[in-house]
Amino acid sequence: METVVNEDLATEVLELKRQKNAVILAHNYQIPEIQDIADYVGDSLGLSRQAAKADEDIIVFCGVHFMAETASIISPHKTVLIPDLDAGCSLADSITAGQLKEWKAQHPGAVVVSYVNTTAAVKAESDYCCTSSNAVGIVESIPEDKEILFLPDKFLGAYVEMMTGRDLNIWQGACHVHEKIGELNLAEKQKEHPDAEFLIHPECGCSTSCMMKSAMYFDCKDGHVHSTSGMLQRAKESDAEEFVVATETGILHRMRKDSPEKKFYAASEDSVCDYMKMITLENLRDALKFNQYEVKVPFELAERAKVPIDRMLQIG
């Protein structure tokens, strides 16, 4: 019965999308039904690029609020909808524009690099935005004599420091899901799946220890630190037949679709972002049917926030 209901809902969503001339963008962490019906599924950088080149009148963002804000900034003349206004982000909430202004005042002349997982107001106070897939490249593009404030994720910041050899001033924020993965004993998972490759997101606390091959955590000779898009690519290209994936569990659905002959295990089945899971077929249908809920960044704020986002997209 549930399958029939979902099929009916999916059909209704697709028809509404056609009628409204809309495009559905979904993050890799969304529930399977949303990923399957979306026009594009990807990470933050890929989704930003899709928002920038969307021809449709309406962008429905199946993700969290800062992602819809970013789409509004990039495509100010489009209507950007999010199916649930309460779909927030613990990492984005870890720093405010006021806190960033105070931090900048303590470091005059410093270059501010903000992870895309931030509010529009924080982006407006930044020089560059970045995602986990291009953070290293962004930092490497900045002259070495420049002081850098990197925010808000402390684990991604530590990873970037290690990869670039640069000394960064790092804000001590974290994603509550990825932070908990860093507390796992991955050595136990390695015993369960001795032949598996480990794919680790740089927001995880264990990412830097893997780069250092620290015995405190596990012998990560088969460990690879990647953004979500990098994980997907690695899973497809690797000769390995099994993978342990250290990030939000939503990505496993796409991995299994892309490589059905391989086996994928979550580093922790509890690594679930409740905010990401707030988007459902029902509220996606309602978003299209009733044009709810629009996310619109005020013009002046959007103009300032667009500068670091454009730099992010140019550097790739």
C-alpha atoms as a PDB file:
ATOM      1  CA  MET A   1       0.000   0.000   0.000  1.00  0.00           C
ATOM      2  CA  GLU A   2       2.835   2.357   0.906  1.00  0.00           C
ATOM      3  CA  THR A   3       4.518   1.705  -2.439  1.00  0.00           C
ATOM      4  CA  VAL A   4       1.300   2.581  -4.282  1.00  0.00           C
ATOM      5  CA  VAL A   5       0.907   5.781  -2.260  1.00  0.00           C
ATOM      6  CA  ASN A   6       4.524   6.763  -2.964  1.00  0.00           C
ATOM      7  CA  GLU A   7       4.087   6.091  -6.680  1.00  0.00           C
ATOM      8  CA  ASP A   8       0.937   8.232  -6.758  1.00  0.00           C
ATOM      9  CA  LEU A   9       2.736  11.025  -4.901  1.00  0.00           C
ATOM     10  CA  ALA A  10       5.734  10.801  -7.202  1.00  0.00           C
ATOM     11  CA  THR A  11       3.464  11.047 -10.245  1.00  0.00           C
ATOM     12  CA  GLU A  12       1.747  14.094  -8.752  1.00  0.00           C
ATOM     13  CA  VAL A  13       5.100  15.748  -8.005  1.00  0.00           C
ATOM     14  CA  LEU A  14       6.327  15.214 -11.548  1.00  0.00           C
ATOM     15  CA  GLU A  15       3.133  16.638 -13.024  1.00  0.00           C
ATOM     16  CA  LEU A  16       3.266  19.695 -10.767  1.00  0.00           C
ATOM     17  CA  LYS A  17       6.912  20.174 -11.670  1.00  0.00           C
ATOM     18  CA  ARG A  18       5.968  20.192 -15.354  1.00  0.00           C
ATOM     19  CA  GLN A  19       3.075  22.596 -14.829  1.00  0.00           C
ATOM     20  CA  LYS A  20       5.112  25.025 -12.748  1.00  0.00           C
ATOM     21  CA  ASN A  21       8.269  24.823 -14.891  1.00  0.00           C
ATOM     22  CA  ALA A  22      10.313  23.827 -11.857  1.00  0.00           C
ATOM     23  CA  VAL A  23      13.583  21.988 -11.261  1.00  0.00           C
ATOM     24  CA  ILE A  24      14.146  19.791  -8.203  1.00  0.00           C
ATOM     25  CA  LEU A  25      17.628  19.844  -6.672  1.00  0.00           C
ATOM     26  CA  ALA A  26      18.474  17.366  -3.908  1.00  0.00           C
ATOM     27  CA  HIS A  27      21.474  16.835  -1.670  1.00  0.00           C
ATOM     28  CA  ASN A  28      23.190  13.456  -1.398  1.00  0.00           C
ATOM     29  CA  TYR A  29      21.872  13.111   2.182  1.00  0.00           C
ATOM     30  CA  GLN A  30      18.187  13.260   1.253  1.00  0.00           C
ATOM     31  CA  ILE A  31      15.880  10.262   1.688  1.00  0.00           C
ATOM     32  CA  PRO A  32      15.844   7.773  -1.233  1.00  0.00           C
ATOM     33  CA  GLU A  33      12.413   8.846  -2.551  1.00  0.00           C
ATOM     34  CA  ILE A  34      13.613  12.437  -2.883  1.00  0.00           C
ATOM     35  CA  GLN A  35      16.890  11.465  -4.535  1.00  0.00           C
ATOM     36  CA  ASP A  36      15.038   9.280  -7.026  1.00  0.00           C
ATOM     37  CA  ILE A  37      12.643  12.015  -8.131  1.00  0.00           C
ATOM     38  CA  ALA A  38      15.129  14.898  -8.248  1.00  0.00           C
ATOM     39  CA  ASP A  39      16.466  16.326 -11.489  1.00  0.00           C
ATOM     40  CA  TYR A  40      19.915  16.602  -9.958  1.00  0.00           C
ATOM     41  CA  VAL A  41      21.459  15.025  -6.846  1.00  0.00           C
ATOM     42  CA  GLY A  42      24.808  16.251  -5.616  1.00  0.00           C
ATOM     43  CA  ASP A  43      27.003  17.933  -3.042  1.00  0.00           C
ATOM     44  CA  SER A  44      26.933  21.615  -2.112  1.00  0.00           C
ATOM     45  CA  LEU A  45      29.265  22.699  -4.914  1.00  0.00           C
ATOM     46  CA  GLY A  46      27.432  20.717  -7.579  1.00  0.00           C
ATOM     47  CA  LEU A  47      24.078  21.982  -6.374  1.00  0.00           C
ATOM     48  CA  SER A  48      25.312  25.581  -6.432  1.00  0.00           C
ATOM     49  CA  ARG A  49      26.417  25.144 -10.025  1.00  0.00           C
ATOM     50  CA  GLN A  50      23.072  23.641 -10.994  1.00  0.00           C
ATOM     51  CA  ALA A  51      21.241  26.545  -9.345  1.00  0.00           C
ATOM     52  CA  ALA A  52      23.391  28.985 -11.294  1.00  0.00           C
ATOM     53  CA  LYS A  53      22.509  27.483 -14.671  1.00  0.00           C
ATOM     54  CA  ALA A  54      18.869  26.554 -14.041  1.00  0.00           C
ATOM     55  CA  ASP A  55      16.565  27.662 -16.854  1.00  0.00           C
ATOM     56  CA  GLU A  56      13.336  26.875 -15.012  1.00  0.00           C
ATOM     57  CA  ASP A  57      11.228  29.506 -13.256  1.00  0.00           C
ATOM     58  CA  ILE A  58      11.227  27.700  -9.907  1.00  0.00           C
ATOM     59  CA  ILE A  59      14.031  25.943  -8.012  1.00  0.00           C
ATOM     60  CA  VAL A  60      12.804  23.529  -5.351  1.00  0.00           C
ATOM     61  CA  PHE A  61      15.689  22.842  -3.004  1.00  0.00           C
ATOM     62  CA  CYS A  62      15.551  19.518  -1.197  1.00  0.00           C
ATOM     63  CA  GLY A  63      18.257  20.163   1.329  1.00  0.00           C
ATOM     64  CA  VAL A  64      18.718  22.521   4.242  1.00  0.00           C
ATOM     65  CA  HIS A  65      18.094  26.234   4.577  1.00  0.00           C
ATOM     66  CA  PHE A  66      21.563  27.603   3.819  1.00  0.00           C
ATOM     67  CA  MET A  67      21.513  25.694   0.509  1.00  0.00           C
ATOM     68  CA  ALA A  68      18.244  27.338  -0.518  1.00  0.00           C
ATOM     69  CA  GLU A  69      19.700  30.712   0.506  1.00  0.00           C
ATOM     70  CA  THR A  70      22.720  30.061  -1.705  1.00  0.00           C
ATOM     71  CA  ALA A  71      20.439  29.243  -4.636  1.00  0.00           C
ATOM     72  CA  SER A  72      18.533  32.497  -4.052  1.00  0.00           C
ATOM     73  CA  ILE A  73      21.794  34.463  -4.022  1.00  0.00           C
ATOM     74  CA  ILE A  74      23.034  32.832  -7.233  1.00  0.00           C
ATOM     75  CA  SER A  75      19.682  33.042  -9.049  1.00  0.00           C
ATOM     76  CA  PRO A  76      17.994  36.170  -7.648  1.00  0.00           C
ATOM     77  CA  HIS A  77      15.344  36.280 -10.373  1.00  0.00           C
ATOM     78  CA  LYS A  78      14.178  32.723  -9.741  1.00  0.00           C
ATOM     79  CA  THR A  79      11.649  31.584  -7.154  1.00  0.00           C
ATOM     80  CA  VAL A  80      13.484  29.327  -4.686  1.00  0.00           C
ATOM     81  CA  LEU A  81      11.369  27.034  -2.524  1.00  0.00           C
ATOM     82  CA  ILE A  82      12.286  24.760   0.373  1.00  0.00           C
ATOM     83  CA  PRO A  83       9.654  22.164   1.366  1.00  0.00           C
ATOM     84  CA  ASP A  84      10.259  22.627   5.115  1.00  0.00           C
ATOM     85  CA  LEU A  85      11.457  25.920   6.612  1.00  0.00           C
ATOM     86  CA  ASP A  86      12.683  24.138   9.735  1.00  0.00           C
ATOM     87  CA  ALA A  87      15.322  22.189   7.784  1.00  0.00           C
ATOM     88  CA  GLY A  88      18.334  23.911   9.322  1.00  0.00           C
ATOM     89  CA  CYS A  89      21.991  23.037   9.930  1.00  0.00           C
ATOM     90  CA  SER A  90      23.869  22.699  13.219  1.00  0.00           C
ATOM     91  CA  LEU A  91      27.135  23.700  11.521  1.00  0.00           C
ATOM     92  CA  ALA A  92      25.668  26.849   9.970  1.00  0.00           C
ATOM     93  CA  ASP A  93      24.251  27.734  13.387  1.00  0.00           C
ATOM     94  CA  SER A  94      27.709  27.543  14.997  1.00  0.00           C
ATOM     95  CA  ILE A  95      28.678  31.081  13.922  1.00  0.00           C
ATOM     96  CA  THR A  96      26.708  34.302  13.431  1.00  0.00           C
ATOM     97  CA  ALA A  97      27.535  37.343  11.336  1.00  0.00           C
ATOM     98  CA  GLY A  98      28.066  39.293  14.565  1.00  0.00           C
ATOM     99  CA  GLN A  99      30.606  36.770  15.822  1.00  0.00           C
ATOM    100  CA  LEU A 100      32.422  36.853  12.498  1.00  0.00           C
ATOM    101  CA  LYS A 101      32.591  40.660  12.565  1.00  0.00           C
ATOM    102  CA  GLU A 102      34.176  40.515  16.034  1.00  0.00           C
ATOM    103  CA  TRP A 103      36.666  37.874  14.869  1.00  0.00           C
ATOM    104  CA  LYS A 104      37.593  39.956  11.822  1.00  0.00           C
ATOM    105  CA  ALA A 105      38.160  42.990  14.058  1.00  0.00           C
ATOM    106  CA  GLN A 106      40.704  40.944  16.035  1.00  0.00           C
ATOM    107  CA  HIS A 107      42.533  40.055  12.799  1.00  0.00           C
ATOM    108  CA  PRO A 108      42.528  43.148  10.565  1.00  0.00           C
ATOM    109  CA  GLY A 109      43.489  42.406   6.987  1.00  0.00           C
ATOM    110  CA  ALA A 110      42.882  38.652   7.281  1.00  0.00           C
ATOM    111  CA  VAL A 111      41.198  36.776   4.427  1.00  0.00           C
ATOM    112  CA  VAL A 112      37.953  35.096   5.455  1.00  0.00           C
ATOM    113  CA  VAL A 113      37.212  31.664   3.965  1.00  0.00           C
ATOM    114  CA  SER A 114      33.738  30.436   4.869  1.00  0.00           C
ATOM    115  CA  TYR A 115      32.474  26.934   4.303  1.00  0.00           C
ATOM    116  CA  VAL A 116      29.309  27.049   2.229  1.00  0.00           C
ATOM    117  CA  ASN A 117      27.498  25.614   5.280  1.00  0.00           C
ATOM    118  CA  THR A 118      26.879  29.113   6.606  1.00  0.00           C
ATOM    119  CA  THR A 119      24.084  31.675   6.526  1.00  0.00           C
ATOM    120  CA  ALA A 120      23.823  34.370   3.865  1.00  0.00           C
ATOM    121  CA  ALA A 121      24.731  36.963   6.499  1.00  0.00           C
ATOM    122  CA  VAL A 122      28.000  35.142   7.270  1.00  0.00           C
ATOM    123  CA  LYS A 123      28.780  34.745   3.562  1.00  0.00           C
ATOM    124  CA  ALA A 124      28.300  38.501   3.168  1.00  0.00           C
ATOM    125  CA  GLU A 125      31.135  39.061   5.671  1.00  0.00           C
ATOM    126  CA  SER A 126      33.454  36.622   3.847  1.00  0.00           C
ATOM    127  CA  ASP A 127      36.036  36.890   1.085  1.00  0.00           C
ATOM    128  CA  TYR A 128      35.689  33.348  -0.235  1.00  0.00           C
ATOM    129  CA  CYS A 129      33.241  30.514   0.145  1.00  0.00           C
ATOM    130  CA  CYS A 130      34.321  26.897  -0.234  1.00  0.00           C
ATOM    131  CA  THR A 131      32.952  23.383  -0.067  1.00  0.00           C
ATOM    132  CA  SER A 132      34.644  20.241   1.196  1.00  0.00           C
ATOM    133  CA  SER A 133      35.566  19.378  -2.395  1.00  0.00           C
ATOM    134  CA  ASN A 134      37.390  22.632  -3.163  1.00  0.00           C
ATOM    135  CA  ALA A 135      38.481  24.013   0.242  1.00  0.00           C
ATOM    136  CA  VAL A 136      42.100  22.994  -0.342  1.00  0.00           C
ATOM    137  CA  GLY A 137      42.163  24.680  -3.760  1.00  0.00           C
ATOM    138  CA  ILE A 138      40.583  27.858  -2.389  1.00  0.00           C
ATOM    139  CA  VAL A 139      43.164  28.181   0.389  1.00  0.00           C
ATOM    140  CA  GLU A 140      46.026  27.393  -2.005  1.00  0.00           C
ATOM    141  CA  SER A 141      44.842  30.237  -4.261  1.00  0.00           C
ATOM    142  CA  ILE A 142      45.348  32.804  -1.480  1.00  0.00           C
ATOM    143  CA  PRO A 143      48.831  34.395  -1.257  1.00  0.00           C
ATOM    144  CA  GLU A 144      50.959  32.756   1.427  1.00  0.00           C
ATOM    145  CA  ASP A 145      51.625  36.030   3.218  1.00  0.00           C
ATOM    146  CA  LYS A 146      47.920  36.479   3.936  1.00  0.00           C
ATOM    147  CA  GLU A 147      46.446  35.508   7.298  1.00  0.00           C
ATOM    148  CA  ILE A 148      43.376  33.294   6.861  1.00  0.00           C
ATOM    149  CA  LEU A 149      40.296  32.948   9.042  1.00  0.00           C
ATOM    150  CA  PHE A 150      38.665  29.605   8.216  1.00  0.00           C
ATOM    151  CA  LEU A 151      35.146  28.894   9.421  1.00  0.00           C
ATOM    152  CA  PRO A 152      33.093  27.348  10.816  1.00  0.00           C
ATOM    153  CA  ASP A 153      34.137  23.655  10.704  1.00  0.00           C
ATOM    154  CA  LYS A 154      37.155  22.809  12.854  1.00  0.00           C
ATOM    155  CA  PHE A 155      37.663  19.361  11.326  1.00  0.00           C
ATOM    156  CA  LEU A 156      37.588  20.555   7.728  1.00  0.00           C
ATOM    157  CA  GLY A 157      39.903  23.401   8.768  1.00  0.00           C
ATOM    158  CA  ALA A 158      42.403  20.970  10.309  1.00  0.00           C
ATOM    159  CA  TYR A 159      42.241  18.818   7.175  1.00  0.00           C
ATOM    160  CA  VAL A 160      42.906  21.842   4.943  1.00  0.00           C
ATOM    161  CA  GLU A 161      45.820  22.881   7.159  1.00  0.00           C
ATOM    162  CA  MET A 162      47.355  19.450   6.797  1.00  0.00           C
ATOM    163  CA  MET A 163      46.851  19.273   3.034  1.00  0.00           C
ATOM    164  CA  THR A 164      48.153  22.787   2.306  1.00  0.00           C
ATOM    165  CA  GLY A 165      50.756  23.237   5.033  1.00  0.00           C
ATOM    166  CA  ARG A 166      49.218  26.620   5.817  1.00  0.00           C
ATOM    167  CA  ASP A 167      48.624  27.918   9.346  1.00  0.00           C
ATOM    168  CA  LEU A 168      44.931  28.813   9.603  1.00  0.00           C
ATOM    169  CA  ASN A 169      42.901  30.509  12.302  1.00  0.00           C
ATOM    170  CA  ILE A 170      40.060  28.017  12.624  1.00  0.00           C
ATOM    171  CA  TRP A 171      36.609  28.586  14.137  1.00  0.00           C
ATOM    172  CA  GLN A 172      35.647  25.794  16.514  1.00  0.00           C
ATOM    173  CA  GLY A 173      32.342  24.764  14.952  1.00  0.00           C
ATOM    174  CA  ALA A 174      31.285  21.276  13.872  1.00  0.00           C
ATOM    175  CA  CYS A 175      28.474  19.315  12.274  1.00  0.00           C
ATOM    176  CA  HIS A 176      26.837  17.264  15.024  1.00  0.00           C
ATOM    177  CA  VAL A 177      26.575  14.213  12.747  1.00  0.00           C
ATOM    178  CA  HIS A 178      30.173  14.221  11.523  1.00  0.00           C
ATOM    179  CA  GLU A 179      31.552  15.085  14.948  1.00  0.00           C
ATOM    180  CA  LYS A 180      30.020  11.921  16.389  1.00  0.00           C
ATOM    181  CA  ILE A 181      31.580   9.830  13.616  1.00  0.00           C
ATOM    182  CA  GLY A 182      34.960  11.083  14.797  1.00  0.00           C
ATOM    183  CA  GLU A 183      34.273   9.509  18.184  1.00  0.00           C
ATOM    184  CA  LEU A 184      33.744   6.041  16.688  1.00  0.00           C
ATOM    185  CA  ASN A 185      36.225   3.233  17.079  1.00  0.00           C
ATOM    186  CA  LEU A 186      36.793   2.597  13.391  1.00  0.00           C
ATOM    187  CA  ALA A 187      39.206  -0.201  14.241  1.00  0.00           C
ATOM    188  CA  GLU A 188      36.168  -2.274  15.210  1.00  0.00           C
ATOM    189  CA  LYS A 189      34.590  -1.602  11.815  1.00  0.00           C
ATOM    190  CA  GLN A 190      37.840  -2.628  10.209  1.00  0.00           C
ATOM    191  CA  LYS A 191      37.651  -5.968  11.998  1.00  0.00           C
ATOM    192  CA  GLU A 192      34.079  -6.443  10.756  1.00  0.00           C
ATOM    193  CA  HIS A 193      35.036  -5.606   7.158  1.00  0.00           C
ATOM    194  CA  PRO A 194      38.768  -6.342   6.750  1.00  0.00           C
ATOM    195  CA  ASP A 195      38.705  -6.086   2.953  1.00  0.00           C
ATOM    196  CA  ALA A 196      36.757  -2.826   2.793  1.00  0.00           C
ATOM    197  CA  GLU A 197      38.004   0.573   1.757  1.00  0.00           C
ATOM    198  CA  PHE A 198      37.135   3.363   4.190  1.00  0.00           C
ATOM    199  CA  LEU A 199      35.673   6.536   2.674  1.00  0.00           C
ATOM    200  CA  ILE A 200      35.836   9.410   5.161  1.00  0.00           C
ATOM    201  CA  HIS A 201      34.361  12.896   4.892  1.00  0.00           C
ATOM    202  CA  PRO A 202      36.772  15.708   5.910  1.00  0.00           C
ATOM    203  CA  GLU A 203      34.164  17.062   8.348  1.00  0.00           C
ATOM    204  CA  CYS A 204      34.689  13.924  10.443  1.00  0.00           C
ATOM    205  CA  GLY A 205      36.979  14.130  13.444  1.00  0.00           C
ATOM    206  CA  CYS A 206      38.808  11.027  12.206  1.00  0.00           C
ATOM    207  CA  SER A 207      39.785  12.570   8.848  1.00  0.00           C
ATOM    208  CA  THR A 208      42.972  14.259  10.044  1.00  0.00           C
ATOM    209  CA  SER A 209      44.048  11.215  12.042  1.00  0.00           C
ATOM    210  CA  CYS A 210      43.670   9.156   8.876  1.00  0.00           C
ATOM    211  CA  MET A 211      45.851  11.594   6.987  1.00  0.00           C
ATOM    212  CA  MET A 212      48.458  11.190   9.743  1.00  0.00           C
ATOM    213  CA  LYS A 213      47.855   7.410   9.774  1.00  0.00           C
ATOM    214  CA  SER A 214      47.471   7.641  13.538  1.00  0.00           C
ATOM    215  CA  ALA A 215      47.371   4.298  15.329  1.00  0.00           C
ATOM    216  CA  MET A 216      45.124   5.952  17.912  1.00  0.00           C
ATOM    217  CA  TYR A 217      42.206   5.370  15.572  1.00  0.00           C
ATOM    218  CA  PHE A 218      42.834   2.627  13.050  1.00  0.00           C
ATOM    219  CA  ASP A 219      45.294   1.518  10.404  1.00  0.00           C
ATOM    220  CA  CYS A 220      43.883   3.492   7.515  1.00  0.00           C
ATOM    221  CA  LYS A 221      46.083   2.240   4.690  1.00  0.00           C
ATOM    222  CA  ASP A 222      42.780   1.697   2.865  1.00  0.00           C
ATOM    223  CA  GLY A 223      41.307   4.979   4.062  1.00  0.00           C
ATOM    224  CA  HIS A 224      40.447   7.792   1.662  1.00  0.00           C
ATOM    225  CA  VAL A 225      39.317  11.295   2.679  1.00  0.00           C
ATOM    226  CA  HIS A 226      36.871  12.794   0.174  1.00  0.00           C
ATOM    227  CA  SER A 227      33.951  15.176  -0.158  1.00  0.00           C
ATOM    228  CA  THR A 228      30.629  13.467  -0.867  1.00  0.00           C
ATOM    229  CA  SER A 229      31.167  13.832  -4.623  1.00  0.00           C
ATOM    230  CA  GLY A 230      34.678  12.472  -4.230  1.00  0.00           C
ATOM    231  CA  MET A 231      33.347   9.490  -2.279  1.00  0.00           C
ATOM    232  CA  LEU A 232      30.881   8.688  -5.040  1.00  0.00           C
ATOM    233  CA  GLN A 233      33.578   8.891  -7.686  1.00  0.00           C
ATOM    234  CA  ARG A 234      36.002   6.763  -5.668  1.00  0.00           C
ATOM    235  CA  ALA A 235      33.356   4.114  -5.024  1.00  0.00           C
ATOM    236  CA  LYS A 236      32.677   3.799  -8.761  1.00  0.00           C
ATOM    237  CA  GLU A 237      36.317   3.737  -9.854  1.00  0.00           C
ATOM    238  CA  SER A 238      37.901   1.614  -7.125  1.00  0.00           C
ATOM    239  CA  ASP A 239      38.539  -2.100  -7.615  1.00  0.00           C
ATOM    240  CA  ALA A 240      37.398  -2.701  -4.034  1.00  0.00           C
ATOM    241  CA  GLU A 241      34.141  -4.587  -3.604  1.00  0.00           C
ATOM    242  CA  GLU A 242      33.304  -3.334  -0.095  1.00  0.00           C
ATOM    243  CA  PHE A 243      33.306   0.127   1.454  1.00  0.00           C
ATOM    244  CA  VAL A 244      32.770   1.546   4.926  1.00  0.00           C
ATOM    245  CA  VAL A 245      31.422   5.076   4.547  1.00  0.00           C
ATOM    246  CA  ALA A 246      31.995   7.696   7.243  1.00  0.00           C
ATOM    247  CA  THR A 247      29.454  10.401   6.525  1.00  0.00           C
ATOM    248  CA  GLU A 248      25.681  10.880   6.699  1.00  0.00           C
ATOM    249  CA  THR A 249      23.928   7.637   5.739  1.00  0.00           C
ATOM    250  CA  GLY A 250      21.845   9.175   2.940  1.00  0.00           C
ATOM    251  CA  ILE A 251      24.749   8.866   0.516  1.00  0.00           C
ATOM    252  CA  LEU A 252      24.596   5.063   0.668  1.00  0.00           C
ATOM    253  CA  HIS A 253      21.444   5.027  -1.464  1.00  0.00           C
ATOM    254  CA  ARG A 254      23.186   6.681  -4.388  1.00  0.00           C
ATOM    255  CA  MET A 255      26.305   4.565  -3.977  1.00  0.00           C
ATOM    256  CA  ARG A 256      24.237   1.396  -4.159  1.00  0.00           C
ATOM    257  CA  LYS A 257      22.427   2.694  -7.245  1.00  0.00           C
ATOM    258  CA  ASP A 258      25.679   3.652  -8.965  1.00  0.00           C
ATOM    259  CA  SER A 259      27.488   0.408  -8.093  1.00  0.00           C
ATOM    260  CA  PRO A 260      24.914  -2.315  -7.386  1.00  0.00           C
ATOM    261  CA  GLU A 261      27.555  -5.034  -7.550  1.00  0.00           C
ATOM    262  CA  LYS A 262      29.430  -3.560  -4.566  1.00  0.00           C
ATOM    263  CA  LYS A 263      28.649  -3.517  -0.844  1.00  0.00           C
ATOM    264  CA  PHE A 264      28.446  -0.360   1.234  1.00  0.00           C
ATOM    265  CA  TYR A 265      28.297  -0.108   5.019  1.00  0.00           C
ATOM    266  CA  ALA A 266      27.739   2.948   7.190  1.00  0.00           C
ATOM    267  CA  ALA A 267      30.511   3.642   9.677  1.00  0.00           C
ATOM    268  CA  SER A 268      27.545   4.254  11.983  1.00  0.00           C
ATOM    269  CA  GLU A 269      23.874   3.692  11.204  1.00  0.00           C
ATOM    270  CA  ASP A 270      23.182   6.519  13.670  1.00  0.00           C
ATOM    271  CA  SER A 271      24.908   9.060  11.408  1.00  0.00           C
ATOM    272  CA  VAL A 272      21.626  10.614  10.343  1.00  0.00           C
ATOM    273  CA  CYS A 273      20.940  14.329   9.927  1.00  0.00           C
ATOM    274  CA  ASP A 274      17.379  14.887  11.114  1.00  0.00           C
ATOM    275  CA  TYR A 275      17.296  18.209   9.255  1.00  0.00           C
ATOM    276  CA  MET A 276      18.076  16.550   5.911  1.00  0.00           C
ATOM    277  CA  LYS A 277      15.386  13.965   6.519  1.00  0.00           C
ATOM    278  CA  MET A 278      12.693  16.608   7.016  1.00  0.00           C
ATOM    279  CA  ILE A 279      12.062  16.797   3.268  1.00  0.00           C
ATOM    280  CA  THR A 280       9.459  14.235   2.150  1.00  0.00           C
ATOM    281  CA  LEU A 281       7.456  13.533  -0.986  1.00  0.00           C
ATOM    282  CA  GLU A 282       4.433  15.012   0.791  1.00  0.00           C
ATOM    283  CA  ASN A 283       5.967  18.381   1.590  1.00  0.00           C
ATOM    284  CA  LEU A 284       7.763  18.432  -1.769  1.00  0.00           C
ATOM    285  CA  ARG A 285       4.357  18.030  -3.402  1.00  0.00           C
ATOM    286  CA  ASP A 286       2.924  20.801  -1.225  1.00  0.00           C
ATOM    287  CA  ALA A 287       5.860  23.098  -2.029  1.00  0.00           C
ATOM    288  CA  LEU A 288       5.094  22.806  -5.723  1.00  0.00           C
ATOM    289  CA  LYS A 289       1.319  22.905  -5.309  1.00  0.00           C
ATOM    290  CA  PHE A 290       1.182  25.974  -3.064  1.00  0.00           C
ATOM    291  CA  ASN A 291       4.500  27.675  -3.937  1.00  0.00           C
ATOM    292  CA  GLN A 292       5.755  27.230  -0.389  1.00  0.00           C
ATOM    293  CA  TYR A 293       8.094  28.054   1.300  1.00  0.00           C
ATOM    294  CA  GLU A 294       9.978  30.741  -0.582  1.00  0.00           C
ATOM    295  CA  VAL A 295      13.526  31.563   0.489  1.00  0.00           C
ATOM    296  CA  LYS A 296      14.506  35.049  -0.623  1.00  0.00           C
ATOM    297  CA  VAL A 297      17.712  36.767   0.445  1.00  0.00           C
ATOM    298  CA  PRO A 298      17.356  40.590   0.544  1.00  0.00           C
ATOM    299  CA  PHE A 299      19.011  42.277  -2.451  1.00  0.00           C
ATOM    300  CA  GLU A 300      21.791  44.183  -0.641  1.00  0.00           C
ATOM    301  CA  LEU A 301      22.748  41.154   1.456  1.00  0.00           C
ATOM    302  CA  ALA A 302      22.613  38.889  -1.591  1.00  0.00           C
ATOM    303  CA  GLU A 303      24.893  41.218  -3.578  1.00  0.00           C
ATOM    304  CA  ARG A 304      27.549  41.047  -0.851  1.00  0.00           C
ATOM    305  CA  ALA A 305      27.184  37.296  -0.332  1.00  0.00           C
ATOM    306  CA  LYS A 306      27.422  36.631  -4.062  1.00  0.00           C
ATOM    307  CA  VAL A 307      31.030  37.846  -4.230  1.00  0.00           C
ATOM    308  CA  PRO A 308      32.581  34.984  -2.194  1.00  0.00           C
ATOM    309  CA  ILE A 309      30.224  32.460  -3.817  1.00  0.00           C
ATOM    310  CA  ASP A 310      31.284  33.571  -7.315  1.00  0.00           C
ATOM    311  CA  ARG A 311      34.923  33.198  -6.294  1.00  0.00           C
ATOM    312  CA  MET A 312      34.155  29.674  -5.086  1.00  0.00           C
ATOM    313  CA  LEU A 313      32.518  28.768  -8.381  1.00  0.00           C
ATOM    314  CA  GLN A 314      35.343  30.290 -10.435  1.00  0.00           C
ATOM    315  CA  ILE A 315      38.056  28.365  -8.616  1.00  0.00           C
ATOM    316  CA  GLY A 316      35.977  25.168  -8.619  1.00  0.00           C
END
